[in-house]
Amino acid sequence: MEPNSASHQAPYVRTEVVDAPPPHSRRRSSLLVGCLLPLLILGLGGSILVNVILFAALPSLDTSTRVEERHFSHNRHASKKVAIISVEGTILEGRGFAKRQIERARKDDDVKAVVLRVNSPGGTVTGSDEIYHYLRRMADERGIPIVVSMGGIAASGGYYVSMAVGSRGDSIFAEPTTWTGSIGVIMPHFNVSQLMEDWGVKSDSVVSKPLKGMGSMTRPMTQEERRLFQALVDDSFAGFKEIIRNGRPKFKADSAALDRVTTGQVFTAQQALQNGLVDKIGYVEDAVTQAIQFAGLAPDEVNVVEYRREFSLTHLFMDATDDGTAKTRGLDLNALAELTTPRAYYLYTSLPPLLSTAK
């Protein structure tokens, strides 16, 4: 019997004919790959090399230590200057950029007057006092007048440094929308003992004497601790009031009037004017005009300059601190230490002072 012929047939395979790309298209693709691939490799390698060089050089790069002088108004070519020194933001310490501006003006014999531009809610007691000290030293050594121009806020420590004008009248200008005052001292304290109890966390610190741990956040403050802290605050407050007496002569002869404005209250510009905390309502240009008059100069012979931080490549990769050093981005242990350290502030705020030296 013959085998079934159908069973010996080859299986049917469907084939498709695909048009091959034209020769010129293949040549174009090869050309693009041949050109772009080396460029990509070269670009990637160059980028890595540049970053390696920059990061290797970071420790030696300048951050924000240099002060750059810029023309602000009047005669750009005049030799005699009125310098605008800015105190902006929270005052953490007095040896940062504010001091470098003051030193720049103090060492420049062409500076005949200073306009202190204050836009700050205040800050630490020590930082505010240091800036005040350096301003007064500059004014006394050089015999130059200081005129204050208040920005949006010049409260607490911001008002403290404004007293560097001394006893000269008509020296403090507040813009119409300025908030100022908040004269007083605050020492923040937070009791998280209940939160720790809820989470089953207990404080087990070892101290040499009980008062070494005074102000701890892990337990309620004792009456003795509160009394001691209150004495520290009162002493700083008395110092604040004395600075105001030196900068506002009317309060030296009227202690009752001083007591009325040193309640911690914040004042509008108009309220501050009525209470004798400022002299005039005006803008920075008005303060400049007053400074020129105090210096006995003609407007056309004055170059009004302002100081700015000189930009550095370090700012692209690292945070530049206010003292001119650089620090890497990330967890700031200094800020954590600030938060947990009992400290008095000339500061107008309703929030915990989460402070850092980075600006």
Protein backbone atom coordinates (compact mmCIF):
# COMPACT_ATOMS: atom_id res chain seq x y z
CA MET A 1 0.00 0.00 0.00
CA GLU A 2 1.37 3.34 -1.02
CA PRO A 3 1.91 5.88 1.64
CA ASN A 4 -0.40 8.89 1.76
CA SER A 5 1.25 11.49 -0.40
CA ALA A 6 -0.36 14.29 1.55
CA SER A 7 1.53 13.29 4.69
CA HIS A 8 4.86 13.75 2.92
CA GLN A 9 4.19 17.29 1.69
CA ALA A 10 6.49 20.04 3.12
CA PRO A 11 4.70 22.46 5.47
CA TYR A 12 3.63 25.74 3.95
CA VAL A 13 5.69 28.72 5.11
CA ARG A 14 4.45 32.22 4.38
CA THR A 15 7.20 34.58 3.39
CA GLU A 16 7.14 38.36 3.12
CA VAL A 17 9.35 40.48 1.02
CA VAL A 18 10.70 43.55 2.86
CA ASP A 19 12.14 46.36 0.86
CA ALA A 20 15.74 47.02 1.84
CA PRO A 21 16.59 50.64 2.72
CA PRO A 22 18.20 52.48 -0.11
CA PRO A 23 21.99 52.59 -0.02
CA HIS A 24 22.13 56.35 0.65
CA SER A 25 19.89 55.95 3.76
CA ARG A 26 22.24 53.33 5.22
CA ARG A 27 25.19 55.59 4.56
CA ARG A 28 23.45 58.54 6.29
CA SER A 29 22.68 56.49 9.43
CA SER A 30 26.25 55.25 9.64
CA LEU A 31 27.53 58.79 9.21
CA LEU A 32 25.30 60.14 12.02
CA VAL A 33 26.33 57.39 14.42
CA GLY A 34 29.96 57.85 13.51
CA CYS A 35 29.83 61.59 14.18
CA LEU A 36 27.51 61.79 17.20
CA LEU A 37 28.93 58.93 19.23
CA PRO A 38 32.42 60.44 19.61
CA LEU A 39 30.85 63.82 20.44
CA LEU A 40 28.67 62.29 23.15
CA ILE A 41 31.62 60.43 24.63
CA LEU A 42 33.76 63.56 24.49
CA GLY A 43 31.02 65.70 26.10
CA LEU A 44 30.42 63.22 28.90
CA GLY A 45 34.12 62.89 29.60
CA GLY A 46 34.59 66.65 29.54
CA SER A 47 31.70 67.18 31.96
CA ILE A 48 33.14 64.65 34.40
CA LEU A 49 36.58 66.27 34.15
CA VAL A 50 35.21 69.78 34.79
CA ASN A 51 33.26 68.62 37.84
CA VAL A 52 36.27 66.80 39.25
CA ILE A 53 38.42 69.92 38.86
CA LEU A 54 35.79 72.21 40.41
CA PHE A 55 35.12 70.01 43.41
CA ALA A 56 38.84 69.51 43.95
CA ALA A 57 39.28 73.28 43.98
CA LEU A 58 36.31 74.07 46.24
CA PRO A 59 38.26 74.37 49.49
CA SER A 60 40.41 77.12 47.96
CA LEU A 61 37.62 79.00 46.22
CA ASP A 62 36.46 82.30 47.72
CA THR A 63 32.89 82.20 49.01
CA SER A 64 31.26 85.45 50.11
CA THR A 65 34.12 87.08 52.00
CA ARG A 66 34.67 89.89 49.54
CA VAL A 67 32.59 93.03 49.49
CA GLU A 68 31.74 94.47 46.10
CA GLU A 69 31.04 98.20 45.79
CA ARG A 70 28.34 99.30 43.34
CA HIS A 71 27.15 102.71 42.27
CA PHE A 72 23.69 103.50 43.67
CA SER A 73 22.95 107.13 42.78
CA HIS A 74 24.27 110.68 42.26
CA ASN A 75 27.66 111.31 40.61
CA ARG A 76 29.30 108.05 39.61
CA HIS A 77 32.64 109.80 39.05
CA ALA A 78 32.80 111.74 42.31
CA SER A 79 35.49 110.79 44.79
CA LYS A 80 33.52 111.53 47.96
CA LYS A 81 31.13 108.76 48.93
CA VAL A 82 28.02 108.02 50.95
CA ALA A 83 27.99 104.29 51.64
CA ILE A 84 24.81 102.25 52.09
CA ILE A 85 25.38 99.42 54.57
CA SER A 86 22.66 96.76 54.66
CA VAL A 87 21.53 94.70 57.64
CA GLU A 88 19.03 92.21 56.23
CA GLY A 89 17.36 89.10 57.55
CA THR A 90 17.76 87.44 60.93
CA ILE A 91 20.82 88.65 62.83
CA LEU A 92 22.68 85.54 63.97
CA GLU A 93 26.10 86.96 64.75
CA GLY A 94 27.85 90.26 64.27
CA ARG A 95 31.04 89.16 62.53
CA GLY A 96 29.55 88.24 59.17
CA PHE A 97 28.76 90.23 56.06
CA ALA A 98 27.40 93.20 58.04
CA LYS A 99 30.75 93.64 59.75
CA ARG A 100 32.65 93.32 56.46
CA GLN A 101 30.56 96.16 55.03
CA ILE A 102 31.26 98.28 58.10
CA GLU A 103 35.00 97.57 57.87
CA ARG A 104 34.99 98.43 54.17
CA ALA A 105 33.43 101.82 54.94
CA ARG A 106 35.64 102.42 57.98
CA LYS A 107 38.85 101.90 56.01
CA ASP A 108 37.72 103.97 53.03
CA ASP A 109 38.72 107.59 53.64
CA ASP A 110 36.46 108.69 50.80
CA VAL A 111 33.35 107.62 52.72
CA LYS A 112 31.97 110.75 54.37
CA ALA A 113 28.62 109.40 55.62
CA VAL A 114 26.75 106.11 55.99
CA VAL A 115 23.16 105.15 55.37
CA LEU A 116 22.28 102.07 57.41
CA ARG A 117 19.59 100.16 55.55
CA VAL A 118 17.78 97.92 58.07
CA ASN A 119 15.34 95.23 56.99
CA SER A 120 15.46 92.72 59.84
CA PRO A 121 13.19 91.22 62.50
CA GLY A 122 16.21 91.10 64.84
CA GLY A 123 18.04 88.07 66.11
CA THR A 124 20.45 87.12 68.86
CA VAL A 125 21.29 89.53 71.66
CA THR A 126 25.02 89.15 71.03
CA GLY A 127 24.80 89.50 67.24
CA SER A 128 22.70 92.67 67.48
CA ASP A 129 25.05 94.21 70.03
CA GLU A 130 28.16 93.37 67.98
CA ILE A 131 26.79 95.09 64.86
CA TYR A 132 25.83 98.11 66.99
CA HIS A 133 29.34 98.16 68.48
CA TYR A 134 31.11 98.05 65.10
CA LEU A 135 28.88 100.80 63.71
CA ARG A 136 29.55 103.08 66.68
CA ARG A 137 33.27 102.39 66.48
CA MET A 138 33.28 103.36 62.81
CA ALA A 139 31.31 106.55 63.47
CA ASP A 140 33.52 107.58 66.40
CA GLU A 141 36.85 106.82 64.73
CA ARG A 142 35.97 108.47 61.43
CA GLY A 143 33.66 111.17 62.76
CA ILE A 144 31.08 110.40 60.09
CA PRO A 145 27.29 110.60 60.49
CA ILE A 146 24.97 107.58 60.26
CA VAL A 147 21.42 107.85 58.97
CA VAL A 148 19.03 104.89 59.22
CA SER A 149 16.63 103.83 56.47
CA MET A 150 14.14 101.21 57.69
CA GLY A 151 12.69 98.78 55.18
CA GLY A 152 9.67 96.55 55.58
CA ILE A 153 10.61 95.54 59.12
CA ALA A 154 13.12 96.90 61.61
CA ALA A 155 12.01 95.22 64.80
CA SER A 156 13.68 94.18 68.04
CA GLY A 157 17.36 93.62 67.18
CA GLY A 158 16.71 95.51 63.93
CA TYR A 159 15.72 98.51 66.03
CA TYR A 160 18.66 97.91 68.37
CA VAL A 161 21.24 98.32 65.59
CA SER A 162 19.36 101.43 64.39
CA MET A 163 20.40 103.15 67.60
CA ALA A 164 23.91 103.41 66.15
CA VAL A 165 22.85 106.84 64.84
CA GLY A 166 23.72 108.20 68.28
CA SER A 167 22.12 111.30 69.73
CA ARG A 168 21.86 113.23 66.44
CA GLY A 169 18.25 114.10 65.61
CA ASP A 170 16.44 113.61 62.29
CA SER A 171 18.49 110.48 61.66
CA ILE A 172 15.95 107.63 61.49
CA PHE A 173 13.68 107.26 58.47
CA ALA A 174 10.92 104.65 58.25
CA GLU A 175 9.10 103.82 55.05
CA PRO A 176 5.30 104.26 55.16
CA THR A 177 4.81 100.48 55.39
CA THR A 178 7.57 99.79 57.94
CA TRP A 179 6.88 97.78 61.08
CA THR A 180 9.24 98.55 63.91
CA GLY A 181 9.50 98.34 67.68
CA SER A 182 9.02 94.92 69.28
CA ILE A 183 11.47 96.16 71.88
CA GLY A 184 12.13 93.38 74.33
CA VAL A 185 13.82 90.04 74.93
CA ILE A 186 12.54 86.52 74.38
CA MET A 187 14.07 83.23 75.50
CA PRO A 188 12.18 80.41 73.75
CA HIS A 189 11.48 77.25 75.71
CA PHE A 190 9.50 74.21 74.59
CA ASN A 191 8.30 71.42 76.84
CA VAL A 192 8.08 68.15 74.91
CA SER A 193 7.89 65.88 77.96
CA GLN A 194 4.29 64.86 77.23
CA LEU A 195 5.18 63.95 73.67
CA MET A 196 8.12 61.88 74.94
CA GLU A 197 5.85 60.11 77.42
CA ASP A 198 3.38 59.26 74.65
CA TRP A 199 6.22 57.71 72.65
CA GLY A 200 7.80 55.97 75.59
CA VAL A 201 10.97 58.06 75.52
CA LYS A 202 12.70 59.06 78.76
CA SER A 203 15.47 61.56 79.39
CA ASP A 204 18.42 60.01 81.17
CA SER A 205 21.08 62.74 80.96
CA VAL A 206 23.98 62.82 83.40
CA VAL A 207 24.91 66.28 84.73
CA SER A 208 27.40 67.62 87.24
CA LYS A 209 24.77 69.67 89.09
CA PRO A 210 20.98 69.98 88.64
CA LEU A 211 21.19 73.48 87.13
CA LYS A 212 23.56 72.26 84.40
CA GLY A 213 20.48 70.91 82.62
CA MET A 214 18.33 74.00 83.19
CA GLY A 215 16.05 74.81 80.31
CA SER A 216 15.85 71.23 79.11
CA MET A 217 13.01 70.52 76.68
CA THR A 218 12.46 67.07 78.13
CA ARG A 219 10.75 68.22 81.34
CA PRO A 220 8.80 71.18 82.70
CA MET A 221 10.86 74.15 83.85
CA THR A 222 11.26 74.41 87.61
CA GLN A 223 10.51 77.61 89.52
CA GLU A 224 14.19 78.10 90.30
CA GLU A 225 15.10 77.75 86.62
CA ARG A 226 12.39 80.20 85.61
CA ARG A 227 13.65 82.72 88.17
CA LEU A 228 17.23 82.45 86.89
CA PHE A 229 16.21 82.70 83.25
CA GLN A 230 13.98 85.69 84.02
CA ALA A 231 16.96 87.45 85.63
CA LEU A 232 19.01 86.88 82.47
CA VAL A 233 16.20 88.23 80.27
CA ASP A 234 15.69 91.26 82.54
CA ASP A 235 19.39 92.09 82.41
CA SER A 236 19.42 91.95 78.59
CA PHE A 237 16.24 94.03 78.51
CA ALA A 238 17.83 96.70 80.70
CA GLY A 239 20.77 96.83 78.29
CA PHE A 240 18.38 97.25 75.35
CA LYS A 241 16.66 100.20 77.05
CA GLU A 242 20.00 101.83 77.80
CA ILE A 243 20.97 101.59 74.13
CA ILE A 244 17.69 103.31 73.23
CA ARG A 245 18.38 106.12 75.70
CA ASN A 246 21.70 106.72 73.95
CA GLY A 247 20.09 106.73 70.51
CA ARG A 248 16.85 108.55 71.40
CA PRO A 249 17.65 111.48 73.70
CA LYS A 250 13.96 112.20 74.40
CA PHE A 251 13.70 108.92 76.31
CA LYS A 252 16.72 109.71 78.46
CA ALA A 253 14.76 112.48 80.12
CA ASP A 254 11.40 110.69 80.09
CA SER A 255 11.63 107.13 81.42
CA ALA A 256 7.85 106.81 81.50
CA ALA A 257 7.67 107.42 77.75
CA LEU A 258 10.34 104.76 77.24
CA ASP A 259 8.38 102.27 79.33
CA ARG A 260 5.32 102.85 77.14
CA VAL A 261 7.14 101.83 73.95
CA THR A 262 9.18 98.93 75.37
CA THR A 263 6.31 96.51 75.94
CA GLY A 264 7.23 94.29 73.00
CA GLN A 265 4.55 95.90 70.84
CA VAL A 266 5.11 96.30 67.11
CA PHE A 267 4.36 99.74 65.68
CA THR A 268 3.50 100.99 62.23
CA ALA A 269 5.67 103.76 60.81
CA GLN A 270 3.12 106.41 61.74
CA GLN A 271 2.74 105.04 65.28
CA ALA A 272 6.51 104.90 65.66
CA LEU A 273 6.75 108.53 64.54
CA GLN A 274 4.10 109.61 67.04
CA ASN A 275 5.88 107.74 69.85
CA GLY A 276 9.33 109.12 69.03
CA LEU A 277 10.86 105.85 67.85
CA VAL A 278 11.64 107.30 64.41
CA ASP A 279 12.18 110.83 63.13
CA LYS A 280 10.66 110.93 59.66
CA ILE A 281 8.61 108.95 57.16
CA GLY A 282 10.63 108.49 54.00
CA TYR A 283 12.46 106.19 51.65
CA VAL A 284 16.12 105.32 51.25
CA GLU A 285 16.59 108.26 48.87
CA ASP A 286 15.40 110.62 51.62
CA ALA A 287 17.89 109.08 54.05
CA VAL A 288 20.65 109.56 51.46
CA THR A 289 19.75 113.23 51.06
CA GLN A 290 19.89 113.68 54.83
CA ALA A 291 23.28 111.93 55.06
CA ILE A 292 24.69 114.22 52.35
CA GLN A 293 23.48 117.26 54.29
CA PHE A 294 24.95 115.98 57.57
CA ALA A 295 28.31 115.48 55.83
CA GLY A 296 28.22 119.04 54.51
CA LEU A 297 28.50 117.97 50.89
CA ALA A 298 26.88 119.10 47.66
CA PRO A 299 24.75 116.47 45.88
CA ASP A 300 26.75 116.74 42.66
CA GLU A 301 30.05 115.93 44.41
CA VAL A 302 28.87 112.67 45.98
CA ASN A 303 28.97 109.11 44.72
CA VAL A 304 26.40 107.05 46.62
CA VAL A 305 27.51 103.41 46.71
CA GLU A 306 26.10 100.20 48.15
CA TYR A 307 27.83 97.00 49.14
CA ARG A 308 27.05 93.53 47.84
CA ARG A 309 28.56 90.08 48.25
CA GLU A 310 30.93 89.19 45.46
CA PHE A 311 29.62 86.12 43.63
CA SER A 312 31.69 82.95 43.78
CA LEU A 313 31.53 79.60 41.98
CA THR A 314 31.29 77.99 45.40
CA HIS A 315 27.68 79.15 45.62
CA LEU A 316 26.81 76.75 42.80
CA PHE A 317 27.86 73.69 44.77
CA MET A 318 27.96 74.60 48.45
CA ASP A 319 26.28 76.92 50.91
CA ALA A 320 28.40 79.93 51.83
CA THR A 321 28.03 80.83 55.49
CA ASP A 322 27.85 84.39 56.69
CA ASP A 323 31.39 84.28 58.03
CA GLY A 324 32.70 83.43 54.57
CA THR A 325 33.29 79.71 55.06
CA ALA A 326 31.69 77.01 52.95
CA LYS A 327 29.69 74.05 54.11
CA THR A 328 28.15 71.13 52.25
CA ARG A 329 24.42 70.87 51.84
CA GLY A 330 22.60 68.48 54.13
CA LEU A 331 21.95 68.10 57.84
CA ASP A 332 23.00 71.24 59.69
CA LEU A 333 24.07 70.24 63.19
CA ASN A 334 24.68 73.89 64.04
CA ALA A 335 21.00 74.63 63.44
CA LEU A 336 20.04 71.71 65.68
CA ALA A 337 22.35 73.01 68.41
CA GLU A 338 20.87 76.50 68.09
CA LEU A 339 17.36 75.13 68.48
CA THR A 340 18.17 73.19 71.64
CA THR A 341 20.37 75.84 73.32
CA PRO A 342 18.63 78.22 75.77
CA ARG A 343 19.37 81.65 74.38
CA ALA A 344 17.95 85.17 74.59
CA TYR A 345 16.90 86.96 71.42
CA TYR A 346 16.06 90.47 70.35
CA LEU A 347 13.71 88.92 67.82
CA TYR A 348 10.19 89.55 66.57
CA THR A 349 8.74 86.13 65.73
CA SER A 350 5.89 83.79 66.60
CA LEU A 351 7.73 80.63 65.47
CA PRO A 352 10.54 78.60 67.01
CA PRO A 353 13.89 80.11 65.95
CA LEU A 354 15.12 77.45 63.52
CA LEU A 355 18.37 79.27 62.99
CA SER A 356 21.32 78.48 60.76
CA THR A 357 24.42 80.43 59.93
CA ALA A 358 23.80 79.77 56.24
CA LYS A 359 22.16 82.60 54.42
